[in-house]
Amino acid sequence: MSPRSGTRPVDTATIACDPARVELEAENSLHARCRLLVSTPAAWVAAAIPSLSTLLVEQAHLEKKAAAAAMRFLFSHGTEPWIQRALSCIAREELVHFERTLRLLDQRGASFTTLPPSRYADRLKAAIAPTMPERAVDELLVASLIEARSHERMEALGLALSGVDDAASAFYLDLVEAEARHRCLYLDIAASLVDANEVERRFLRLAQVEREAILQRDEVMRLHSGHGSHDNA
């Protein structure tokens, strides 16, 4: 694996903290080529709405885990200023989202309790290369995939909840823009380690694993549960 040639993405660190500046550089950019391979059907969204209280508790856990992941990357990816700024921004934003979710739970009289996770993340992590430097790239690409799926499902939930639970709808729809930015930033950081073609090749392999994970049945309803999920535990 050879280091990526060329300069870093323009204004990437700024994008991390400035929601108004999120946009794809071009239709044929790495961001546009590295996409989810399967969409969530409307049936999953319909099945998820009755489990909204559980999903909101899970959201707090997901935000906290995402902040922790960004902090781990912050300490493991050198001292390149734009990467450090981008990861710092992601970590801070995830913690703000965590605190916002806790406030929403409190407003609803709900407790932030422990919750068994879905098997989604473990399935993706099992596909990560076992040794460096490939492992470092794969970890970033798995983070990008998780952000992409979160974006898709949170947007679907937000739209479906409009007129049903407007507070929850606004909550989800306010968060999706950040998920989109984080997805792109993790791709950019991966592309600073190896060339874009290698990023795309490794992303496609992991995206196929993600596709299989999202099509499998899970016994509990979670944000990243498989399409066959139906239980509310």
Protein backbone atom coordinates (compact mmCIF):
# COMPACT_ATOMS: atom_id res chain seq x y z
CA MET A 1 0.00 0.00 0.00
CA SER A 2 1.54 3.27 -1.07
CA PRO A 3 0.86 6.67 0.52
CA ARG A 4 -1.59 8.88 -1.29
CA SER A 5 0.04 11.33 -3.68
CA GLY A 6 -1.07 14.92 -4.10
CA THR A 7 -2.42 17.46 -1.67
CA ARG A 8 -5.00 17.07 1.04
CA PRO A 9 -8.69 17.76 0.30
CA VAL A 10 -9.44 21.45 0.14
CA ASP A 11 -11.11 22.93 3.24
CA THR A 12 -11.77 19.49 4.76
CA ALA A 13 -11.13 20.67 8.30
CA THR A 14 -13.42 23.64 7.75
CA ILE A 15 -16.17 21.37 6.45
CA ALA A 16 -15.99 19.35 9.66
CA CYS A 17 -17.10 22.35 11.71
CA ASP A 18 -19.09 24.33 9.17
CA PRO A 19 -22.33 22.61 8.15
CA ALA A 20 -23.00 25.17 5.43
CA ARG A 21 -19.97 23.98 3.46
CA VAL A 22 -20.77 20.29 3.10
CA GLU A 23 -21.01 19.26 -0.54
CA LEU A 24 -19.46 16.73 -2.89
CA GLU A 25 -16.48 18.08 -4.82
CA ALA A 26 -17.71 16.47 -8.07
CA GLU A 27 -20.05 13.76 -9.25
CA ASN A 28 -17.09 11.48 -9.97
CA SER A 29 -15.34 12.21 -6.67
CA LEU A 30 -14.35 9.54 -4.18
CA HIS A 31 -17.31 10.61 -2.06
CA ALA A 32 -19.70 9.87 -4.90
CA ARG A 33 -18.14 6.52 -5.79
CA CYS A 34 -18.05 5.14 -2.25
CA ARG A 35 -21.73 4.58 -1.48
CA LEU A 36 -23.96 2.08 0.27
CA LEU A 37 -24.86 -0.89 -1.91
CA VAL A 38 -28.41 -1.39 -0.65
CA SER A 39 -31.14 0.99 0.50
CA THR A 40 -33.39 0.56 3.50
CA PRO A 41 -36.94 -0.38 2.48
CA ALA A 42 -40.00 1.48 3.74
CA ALA A 43 -41.01 -1.65 5.64
CA TRP A 44 -38.04 -1.26 7.98
CA VAL A 45 -39.01 2.33 8.74
CA ALA A 46 -42.60 1.32 9.48
CA ALA A 47 -41.37 -1.42 11.80
CA ALA A 48 -38.95 0.96 13.55
CA ILE A 49 -41.43 3.69 14.52
CA PRO A 50 -43.14 1.65 17.29
CA SER A 51 -39.65 1.19 18.80
CA LEU A 52 -38.86 4.91 18.83
CA SER A 53 -38.28 5.06 22.60
CA THR A 54 -35.67 2.30 22.34
CA LEU A 55 -34.08 3.87 19.28
CA LEU A 56 -33.64 7.17 21.09
CA VAL A 57 -31.88 5.45 23.99
CA GLU A 58 -29.70 3.66 21.46
CA GLN A 59 -28.98 6.97 19.73
CA ALA A 60 -27.30 8.24 22.87
CA HIS A 61 -25.11 5.14 22.98
CA LEU A 62 -24.26 5.51 19.28
CA GLU A 63 -23.26 9.15 19.66
CA LYS A 64 -21.03 8.34 22.63
CA LYS A 65 -19.39 5.46 20.76
CA ALA A 66 -18.86 7.66 17.70
CA ALA A 67 -17.14 10.30 19.83
CA ALA A 68 -14.89 7.65 21.36
CA ALA A 69 -14.01 6.30 17.92
CA ALA A 70 -13.06 9.76 16.66
CA MET A 71 -10.87 10.26 19.73
CA ARG A 72 -9.11 6.94 19.10
CA PHE A 73 -8.42 8.01 15.53
CA LEU A 74 -7.18 11.37 16.80
CA PHE A 75 -4.43 9.60 18.75
CA SER A 76 -3.60 7.00 16.13
CA HIS A 77 -3.32 9.10 12.99
CA GLY A 78 -0.18 11.14 13.42
CA THR A 79 0.12 14.88 13.60
CA GLU A 80 -1.05 16.10 10.19
CA PRO A 81 -2.87 19.33 11.14
CA TRP A 82 -5.90 18.99 8.85
CA ILE A 83 -6.51 15.41 10.01
CA GLN A 84 -6.17 16.35 13.66
CA ARG A 85 -8.57 19.28 13.26
CA ALA A 86 -11.09 17.17 11.37
CA LEU A 87 -11.08 14.37 13.94
CA SER A 88 -11.27 16.83 16.82
CA CYS A 89 -14.30 18.46 15.20
CA ILE A 90 -15.99 15.08 14.69
CA ALA A 91 -15.39 14.06 18.31
CA ARG A 92 -16.76 17.34 19.65
CA GLU A 93 -19.78 17.24 17.39
CA GLU A 94 -20.59 13.66 18.39
CA LEU A 95 -20.44 14.64 22.06
CA VAL A 96 -22.78 17.57 21.42
CA HIS A 97 -25.18 15.13 19.78
CA PHE A 98 -24.82 12.79 22.75
CA GLU A 99 -25.75 15.59 25.14
CA ARG A 100 -28.64 16.63 22.92
CA THR A 101 -29.98 13.07 22.91
CA LEU A 102 -29.75 12.92 26.69
CA ARG A 103 -31.79 16.13 26.91
CA LEU A 104 -34.42 14.71 24.60
CA LEU A 105 -34.65 11.55 26.70
CA ASP A 106 -35.00 13.66 29.83
CA GLN A 107 -37.77 15.73 28.25
CA ARG A 108 -39.63 12.49 27.54
CA GLY A 109 -39.14 11.10 31.01
CA ALA A 110 -36.94 8.32 29.63
CA SER A 111 -33.76 6.99 31.22
CA PHE A 112 -30.41 6.47 29.56
CA THR A 113 -30.07 2.77 30.26
CA THR A 114 -27.85 -0.04 29.03
CA LEU A 115 -29.03 -1.60 25.81
CA PRO A 116 -27.84 -4.70 23.95
CA PRO A 117 -26.50 -3.51 20.57
CA SER A 118 -27.28 -5.00 17.19
CA ARG A 119 -24.65 -7.21 15.60
CA TYR A 120 -24.11 -4.76 12.73
CA ALA A 121 -20.89 -3.11 13.90
CA ASP A 122 -19.32 -6.41 14.94
CA ARG A 123 -20.03 -7.84 11.49
CA LEU A 124 -18.24 -4.93 9.86
CA LYS A 125 -15.32 -4.97 12.27
CA ALA A 126 -14.79 -8.68 11.64
CA ALA A 127 -13.99 -7.81 8.01
CA ILE A 128 -11.24 -5.33 8.91
CA ALA A 129 -7.73 -6.39 7.88
CA PRO A 130 -5.84 -7.88 10.85
CA THR A 131 -2.52 -6.13 10.25
CA MET A 132 -1.22 -2.65 9.55
CA PRO A 133 -1.23 -0.58 7.41
CA GLU A 134 -4.34 -2.09 5.81
CA ARG A 135 -6.09 -2.20 9.17
CA ALA A 136 -5.83 1.56 9.64
CA VAL A 137 -7.50 2.21 6.28
CA ASP A 138 -10.25 -0.35 6.86
CA GLU A 139 -11.08 1.10 10.28
CA LEU A 140 -11.67 4.51 8.70
CA LEU A 141 -13.77 3.00 5.92
CA VAL A 142 -15.93 1.09 8.40
CA ALA A 143 -16.48 4.39 10.25
CA SER A 144 -17.50 5.98 6.94
CA LEU A 145 -19.95 3.14 6.19
CA ILE A 146 -21.54 3.41 9.63
CA GLU A 147 -21.98 7.16 9.18
CA ALA A 148 -23.51 6.57 5.75
CA ARG A 149 -26.04 4.04 7.05
CA SER A 150 -26.82 6.26 10.04
CA HIS A 151 -27.46 9.17 7.67
CA GLU A 152 -29.80 7.12 5.50
CA ARG A 153 -31.84 5.65 8.33
CA MET A 154 -32.02 8.78 10.47
CA GLU A 155 -33.26 10.75 7.48
CA ALA A 156 -35.87 8.08 6.73
CA LEU A 157 -37.03 8.09 10.35
CA GLY A 158 -37.12 11.87 10.49
CA LEU A 159 -39.30 12.09 7.40
CA ALA A 160 -41.59 9.27 8.54
CA LEU A 161 -42.08 10.86 11.97
CA SER A 162 -43.11 14.24 10.58
CA GLY A 163 -46.66 14.87 11.73
CA VAL A 164 -46.48 11.84 14.02
CA ASP A 165 -43.81 12.97 16.48
CA ASP A 166 -42.52 16.33 15.32
CA ALA A 167 -39.93 16.70 18.08
CA ALA A 168 -38.30 13.36 17.20
CA SER A 169 -38.60 14.16 13.51
CA ALA A 170 -36.76 17.46 13.92
CA PHE A 171 -34.15 15.77 16.10
CA TYR A 172 -33.26 13.16 13.49
CA LEU A 173 -33.38 15.56 10.55
CA ASP A 174 -31.11 18.03 12.33
CA LEU A 175 -28.45 15.33 12.80
CA VAL A 176 -28.30 13.85 9.30
CA GLU A 177 -26.19 16.64 7.79
CA ALA A 178 -23.42 15.92 10.28
CA GLU A 179 -23.54 12.21 9.41
CA ALA A 180 -22.98 13.12 5.76
CA ARG A 181 -19.97 15.27 6.60
CA HIS A 182 -18.44 12.64 8.86
CA ARG A 183 -18.84 10.01 6.14
CA CYS A 184 -16.89 12.16 3.70
CA LEU A 185 -14.23 13.13 6.21
CA TYR A 186 -13.44 9.51 7.06
CA LEU A 187 -13.09 8.79 3.34
CA ASP A 188 -10.75 11.76 2.96
CA ILE A 189 -8.58 10.64 5.86
CA ALA A 190 -8.38 7.11 4.42
CA ALA A 191 -7.34 8.63 1.10
CA SER A 192 -4.48 10.43 2.86
CA LEU A 193 -3.02 7.01 3.74
CA VAL A 194 -3.34 5.28 0.36
CA ASP A 195 -4.35 6.33 -3.15
CA ALA A 196 -7.98 6.82 -4.08
CA ASN A 197 -8.18 3.66 -6.18
CA GLU A 198 -7.08 1.56 -3.21
CA VAL A 199 -9.58 3.32 -0.98
CA GLU A 200 -12.36 2.58 -3.45
CA ARG A 201 -11.30 -1.07 -3.80
CA ARG A 202 -11.20 -1.63 -0.05
CA PHE A 203 -14.44 0.31 0.48
CA LEU A 204 -16.27 -1.87 -2.04
CA ARG A 205 -15.16 -5.02 -0.23
CA LEU A 206 -16.38 -3.66 3.11
CA ALA A 207 -19.56 -2.28 1.56
CA GLN A 208 -20.41 -5.78 0.39
CA VAL A 209 -20.03 -6.98 3.97
CA GLU A 210 -22.23 -4.08 5.10
CA ARG A 211 -24.84 -5.05 2.53
CA GLU A 212 -24.93 -8.62 3.84
CA ALA A 213 -25.17 -7.37 7.42
CA ILE A 214 -28.04 -5.03 6.69
CA LEU A 215 -29.99 -7.75 4.86
CA GLN A 216 -29.68 -10.23 7.69
CA ARG A 217 -32.36 -10.61 10.31
CA ASP A 218 -31.72 -9.21 13.78
CA GLU A 219 -33.84 -10.17 16.77
CA VAL A 220 -33.96 -6.63 18.13
CA MET A 221 -34.84 -3.31 16.51
CA ARG A 222 -31.88 -0.97 16.36
CA LEU A 223 -30.84 1.86 14.04
CA HIS A 224 -28.55 -0.50 12.12
CA SER A 225 -30.61 -3.68 12.44
CA GLY A 226 -31.13 -5.94 9.47
CA HIS A 227 -34.21 -5.45 7.33
CA GLY A 228 -35.93 -8.44 8.88
CA SER A 229 -35.93 -6.93 12.39
CA HIS A 230 -39.26 -6.93 14.16
CA ASP A 231 -38.83 -7.27 17.91
CA ASN A 232 -38.76 -4.24 20.21
CA ALA A 233 -36.37 -5.47 22.90
